[in-house]
Amino acid sequence: MSKAHRGKGLIATASHGRGTCPVCKREGVKVVYEQEIDGKKAKICKTCKATIANKK
């Protein structure tokens, strides 16, 4: 099976979905997970999403 379309949605976003995570302040990581932080929706990285989910 071909995997030609993997990550196709990220290519359409700015910088291919990479940026600075507002929670951990790391740069150059994929920030594609939408999470509500302090009443505002923000896009965060995968590790911060998992950390927030485990704290609940």
PDB file of N, CA and C in Angstrom:
ATOM      1  N   MET A   1       0.840  -1.186   0.000  1.00  0.00           N
ATOM      2  CA  MET A   1       0.000   0.000   0.000  1.00  0.00           C
ATOM      3  C   MET A   1       0.883   1.247   0.000  1.00  0.00           C
ATOM      4  N   SER A   2       0.494   2.202  -0.817  1.00  0.00           N
ATOM      5  CA  SER A   2       1.239   3.443  -0.928  1.00  0.00           C
ATOM      6  C   SER A   2       0.892   4.394   0.217  1.00  0.00           C
ATOM      7  N   LYS A   3       1.865   5.192   0.620  1.00  0.00           N
ATOM      8  CA  LYS A   3       1.641   6.164   1.683  1.00  0.00           C
ATOM      9  C   LYS A   3       1.908   7.572   1.151  1.00  0.00           C
ATOM     10  N   ALA A   4       1.439   7.852  -0.052  1.00  0.00           N
ATOM     11  CA  ALA A   4       1.719   9.118  -0.719  1.00  0.00           C
ATOM     12  C   ALA A   4       0.979  10.291  -0.092  1.00  0.00           C
ATOM     13  N   HIS A   5      -0.129  10.044   0.582  1.00  0.00           N
ATOM     14  CA  HIS A   5      -0.943  11.139   1.096  1.00  0.00           C
ATOM     15  C   HIS A   5      -0.762  11.359   2.600  1.00  0.00           C
ATOM     16  N   ARG A   6       0.211  10.726   3.199  1.00  0.00           N
ATOM     17  CA  ARG A   6       0.450  10.887   4.627  1.00  0.00           C
ATOM     18  C   ARG A   6       0.976  12.294   4.910  1.00  0.00           C
ATOM     19  N   GLY A   7       0.330  13.009   5.832  1.00  0.00           N
ATOM     20  CA  GLY A   7       0.752  14.358   6.172  1.00  0.00           C
ATOM     21  C   GLY A   7       0.305  15.399   5.178  1.00  0.00           C
ATOM     22  N   LYS A   8      -0.639  15.079   4.314  1.00  0.00           N
ATOM     23  CA  LYS A   8      -1.076  16.016   3.272  1.00  0.00           C
ATOM     24  C   LYS A   8      -1.701  17.268   3.878  1.00  0.00           C
ATOM     25  N   GLY A   9      -2.407  17.119   4.993  1.00  0.00           N
ATOM     26  CA  GLY A   9      -3.036  18.269   5.633  1.00  0.00           C
ATOM     27  C   GLY A   9      -2.039  19.241   6.225  1.00  0.00           C
ATOM     28  N   LEU A  10      -0.869  18.751   6.611  1.00  0.00           N
ATOM     29  CA  LEU A  10       0.153  19.624   7.179  1.00  0.00           C
ATOM     30  C   LEU A  10       0.862  20.454   6.115  1.00  0.00           C
ATOM     31  N   ILE A  11       0.933  19.935   4.919  1.00  0.00           N
ATOM     32  CA  ILE A  11       1.617  20.668   3.854  1.00  0.00           C
ATOM     33  C   ILE A  11       0.873  21.952   3.509  1.00  0.00           C
ATOM     34  N   ALA A  12      -0.447  21.950   3.663  1.00  0.00           N
ATOM     35  CA  ALA A  12      -1.261  23.124   3.351  1.00  0.00           C
ATOM     36  C   ALA A  12      -1.128  24.213   4.412  1.00  0.00           C
ATOM     37  N   THR A  13      -0.687  23.889   5.623  1.00  0.00           N
ATOM     38  CA  THR A  13      -0.568  24.880   6.687  1.00  0.00           C
ATOM     39  C   THR A  13       0.744  25.654   6.565  1.00  0.00           C
ATOM     40  N   ALA A  14       0.814  26.753   7.279  1.00  0.00           N
ATOM     41  CA  ALA A  14       2.023  27.575   7.260  1.00  0.00           C
ATOM     42  C   ALA A  14       3.176  26.832   7.915  1.00  0.00           C
ATOM     43  N   SER A  15       4.327  26.848   7.317  1.00  0.00           N
ATOM     44  CA  SER A  15       5.546  26.184   7.802  1.00  0.00           C
ATOM     45  C   SER A  15       5.341  24.699   8.037  1.00  0.00           C
ATOM     46  N   HIS A  16       4.437  24.110   7.282  1.00  0.00           N
ATOM     47  CA  HIS A  16       4.122  22.681   7.370  1.00  0.00           C
ATOM     48  C   HIS A  16       3.730  22.270   8.792  1.00  0.00           C
ATOM     49  N   GLY A  17       3.033  23.157   9.509  1.00  0.00           N
ATOM     50  CA  GLY A  17       2.543  22.843  10.844  1.00  0.00           C
ATOM     51  C   GLY A  17       3.554  23.039  11.952  1.00  0.00           C
ATOM     52  N   ARG A  18       4.713  23.578  11.642  1.00  0.00           N
ATOM     53  CA  ARG A  18       5.747  23.747  12.659  1.00  0.00           C
ATOM     54  C   ARG A  18       5.755  25.171  13.203  1.00  0.00           C
ATOM     55  N   GLY A  19       6.127  25.283  14.461  1.00  0.00           N
ATOM     56  CA  GLY A  19       6.189  26.590  15.099  1.00  0.00           C
ATOM     57  C   GLY A  19       6.664  26.458  16.527  1.00  0.00           C
ATOM     58  N   THR A  20       6.302  27.445  17.351  1.00  0.00           N
ATOM     59  CA  THR A  20       6.680  27.454  18.759  1.00  0.00           C
ATOM     60  C   THR A  20       5.469  27.095  19.597  1.00  0.00           C
ATOM     61  N   CYS A  21       5.636  26.137  20.480  1.00  0.00           N
ATOM     62  CA  CYS A  21       4.556  25.715  21.368  1.00  0.00           C
ATOM     63  C   CYS A  21       4.390  26.768  22.461  1.00  0.00           C
ATOM     64  N   PRO A  22       3.153  27.261  22.677  1.00  0.00           N
ATOM     65  CA  PRO A  22       2.958  28.287  23.706  1.00  0.00           C
ATOM     66  C   PRO A  22       3.076  27.756  25.135  1.00  0.00           C
ATOM     67  N   VAL A  23       3.017  26.448  25.334  1.00  0.00           N
ATOM     68  CA  VAL A  23       3.074  25.882  26.680  1.00  0.00           C
ATOM     69  C   VAL A  23       4.522  25.636  27.105  1.00  0.00           C
ATOM     70  N   CYS A  24       5.269  24.877  26.292  1.00  0.00           N
ATOM     71  CA  CYS A  24       6.639  24.515  26.669  1.00  0.00           C
ATOM     72  C   CYS A  24       7.692  25.405  26.016  1.00  0.00           C
ATOM     73  N   LYS A  25       7.279  26.272  25.130  1.00  0.00           N
ATOM     74  CA  LYS A  25       8.160  27.256  24.459  1.00  0.00           C
ATOM     75  C   LYS A  25       9.226  26.631  23.572  1.00  0.00           C
ATOM     76  N   ARG A  26       9.050  25.353  23.181  1.00  0.00           N
ATOM     77  CA  ARG A  26      10.013  24.736  22.259  1.00  0.00           C
ATOM     78  C   ARG A  26       9.746  25.245  20.853  1.00  0.00           C
ATOM     79  N   GLU A  27      10.801  25.400  20.077  1.00  0.00           N
ATOM     80  CA  GLU A  27      10.693  25.910  18.721  1.00  0.00           C
ATOM     81  C   GLU A  27      10.891  24.798  17.711  1.00  0.00           C
ATOM     82  N   GLY A  28      10.246  24.910  16.567  1.00  0.00           N
ATOM     83  CA  GLY A  28      10.438  23.969  15.472  1.00  0.00           C
ATOM     84  C   GLY A  28       9.702  22.655  15.643  1.00  0.00           C
ATOM     85  N   VAL A  29       8.734  22.591  16.534  1.00  0.00           N
ATOM     86  CA  VAL A  29       7.957  21.368  16.727  1.00  0.00           C
ATOM     87  C   VAL A  29       6.618  21.524  16.020  1.00  0.00           C
ATOM     88  N   LYS A  30       5.975  20.412  15.713  1.00  0.00           N
ATOM     89  CA  LYS A  30       4.667  20.461  15.081  1.00  0.00           C
ATOM     90  C   LYS A  30       3.634  20.877  16.120  1.00  0.00           C
ATOM     91  N   VAL A  31       2.958  21.975  15.861  1.00  0.00           N
ATOM     92  CA  VAL A  31       1.906  22.462  16.759  1.00  0.00           C
ATOM     93  C   VAL A  31       0.574  22.305  16.035  1.00  0.00           C
ATOM     94  N   VAL A  32      -0.005  21.124  16.156  1.00  0.00           N
ATOM     95  CA  VAL A  32      -1.209  20.812  15.392  1.00  0.00           C
ATOM     96  C   VAL A  32      -2.389  20.404  16.271  1.00  0.00           C
ATOM     97  N   TYR A  33      -2.188  20.333  17.595  1.00  0.00           N
ATOM     98  CA  TYR A  33      -3.264  19.895  18.482  1.00  0.00           C
ATOM     99  C   TYR A  33      -3.930  21.107  19.114  1.00  0.00           C
ATOM    100  N   GLU A  34      -5.238  21.274  18.875  1.00  0.00           N
ATOM    101  CA  GLU A  34      -5.964  22.396  19.437  1.00  0.00           C
ATOM    102  C   GLU A  34      -6.388  22.067  20.858  1.00  0.00           C
ATOM    103  N   GLN A  35      -6.101  22.966  21.779  1.00  0.00           N
ATOM    104  CA  GLN A  35      -6.422  22.758  23.187  1.00  0.00           C
ATOM    105  C   GLN A  35      -6.855  24.086  23.784  1.00  0.00           C
ATOM    106  N   GLU A  36      -7.800  24.048  24.711  1.00  0.00           N
ATOM    107  CA  GLU A  36      -8.237  25.267  25.375  1.00  0.00           C
ATOM    108  C   GLU A  36      -7.346  25.506  26.589  1.00  0.00           C
ATOM    109  N   ILE A  37      -6.655  26.646  26.575  1.00  0.00           N
ATOM    110  CA  ILE A  37      -5.750  27.012  27.659  1.00  0.00           C
ATOM    111  C   ILE A  37      -6.161  28.389  28.156  1.00  0.00           C
ATOM    112  N   ASP A  38      -6.530  28.471  29.429  1.00  0.00           N
ATOM    113  CA  ASP A  38      -6.965  29.725  30.058  1.00  0.00           C
ATOM    114  C   ASP A  38      -8.115  30.374  29.294  1.00  0.00           C
ATOM    115  N   GLY A  39      -9.049  29.573  28.807  1.00  0.00           N
ATOM    116  CA  GLY A  39     -10.213  30.095  28.104  1.00  0.00           C
ATOM    117  C   GLY A  39      -9.984  30.437  26.647  1.00  0.00           C
ATOM    118  N   LYS A  40      -8.772  30.256  26.151  1.00  0.00           N
ATOM    119  CA  LYS A  40      -8.459  30.550  24.749  1.00  0.00           C
ATOM    120  C   LYS A  40      -8.032  29.269  24.055  1.00  0.00           C
ATOM    121  N   LYS A  41      -8.407  29.135  22.791  1.00  0.00           N
ATOM    122  CA  LYS A  41      -7.973  27.977  22.018  1.00  0.00           C
ATOM    123  C   LYS A  41      -6.585  28.261  21.459  1.00  0.00           C
ATOM    124  N   ALA A  42      -5.696  27.311  21.652  1.00  0.00           N
ATOM    125  CA  ALA A  42      -4.329  27.446  21.161  1.00  0.00           C
ATOM    126  C   ALA A  42      -3.889  26.118  20.578  1.00  0.00           C
ATOM    127  N   LYS A  43      -2.964  26.174  19.645  1.00  0.00           N
ATOM    128  CA  LYS A  43      -2.397  24.953  19.064  1.00  0.00           C
ATOM    129  C   LYS A  43      -1.119  24.635  19.813  1.00  0.00           C
ATOM    130  N   ILE A  44      -1.038  23.380  20.315  1.00  0.00           N
ATOM    131  CA  ILE A  44       0.097  22.971  21.122  1.00  0.00           C
ATOM    132  C   ILE A  44       0.734  21.724  20.524  1.00  0.00           C
ATOM    133  N   CYS A  45       1.898  21.344  21.045  1.00  0.00           N
ATOM    134  CA  CYS A  45       2.621  20.184  20.535  1.00  0.00           C
ATOM    135  C   CYS A  45       2.056  18.897  21.144  1.00  0.00           C
ATOM    136  N   LYS A  46       2.533  17.785  20.637  1.00  0.00           N
ATOM    137  CA  LYS A  46       2.032  16.471  21.034  1.00  0.00           C
ATOM    138  C   LYS A  46       2.354  16.151  22.492  1.00  0.00           C
ATOM    139  N   THR A  47       3.552  16.482  22.949  1.00  0.00           N
ATOM    140  CA  THR A  47       3.927  16.150  24.317  1.00  0.00           C
ATOM    141  C   THR A  47       3.142  16.968  25.333  1.00  0.00           C
ATOM    142  N   CYS A  48       2.864  18.222  25.030  1.00  0.00           N
ATOM    143  CA  CYS A  48       2.077  19.053  25.939  1.00  0.00           C
ATOM    144  C   CYS A  48       0.629  18.584  25.976  1.00  0.00           C
ATOM    145  N   LYS A  49       0.116  18.122  24.856  1.00  0.00           N
ATOM    146  CA  LYS A  49      -1.250  17.592  24.816  1.00  0.00           C
ATOM    147  C   LYS A  49      -1.353  16.359  25.694  1.00  0.00           C
ATOM    148  N   ALA A  50      -0.356  15.484  25.626  1.00  0.00           N
ATOM    149  CA  ALA A  50      -0.352  14.277  26.441  1.00  0.00           C
ATOM    150  C   ALA A  50      -0.211  14.609  27.918  1.00  0.00           C
ATOM    151  N   THR A  51       0.593  15.605  28.235  1.00  0.00           N
ATOM    152  CA  THR A  51       0.779  16.022  29.621  1.00  0.00           C
ATOM    153  C   THR A  51      -0.521  16.556  30.202  1.00  0.00           C
ATOM    154  N   ILE A  52      -1.220  17.369  29.441  1.00  0.00           N
ATOM    155  CA  ILE A  52      -2.496  17.933  29.892  1.00  0.00           C
ATOM    156  C   ILE A  52      -3.531  16.819  30.048  1.00  0.00           C
ATOM    157  N   ALA A  53      -3.549  15.865  29.140  1.00  0.00           N
ATOM    158  CA  ALA A  53      -4.517  14.771  29.206  1.00  0.00           C
ATOM    159  C   ALA A  53      -4.247  13.866  30.405  1.00  0.00           C
ATOM    160  N   ASN A  54      -2.986  13.653  30.764  1.00  0.00           N
ATOM    161  CA  ASN A  54      -2.642  12.800  31.890  1.00  0.00           C
ATOM    162  C   ASN A  54      -2.913  13.455  33.238  1.00  0.00           C
ATOM    163  N   LYS A  55      -2.934  14.789  33.280  1.00  0.00           N
ATOM    164  CA  LYS A  55      -3.198  15.499  34.531  1.00  0.00           C
ATOM    165  C   LYS A  55      -4.678  15.459  34.907  1.00  0.00           C
ATOM    166  N   LYS A  56      -5.551  15.222  33.948  1.00  0.00           N
ATOM    167  CA  LYS A  56      -6.998  15.205  34.219  1.00  0.00           C
ATOM    168  C   LYS A  56      -7.404  13.987  34.977  1.00  0.00           C
TER     169      LYS A  56
END
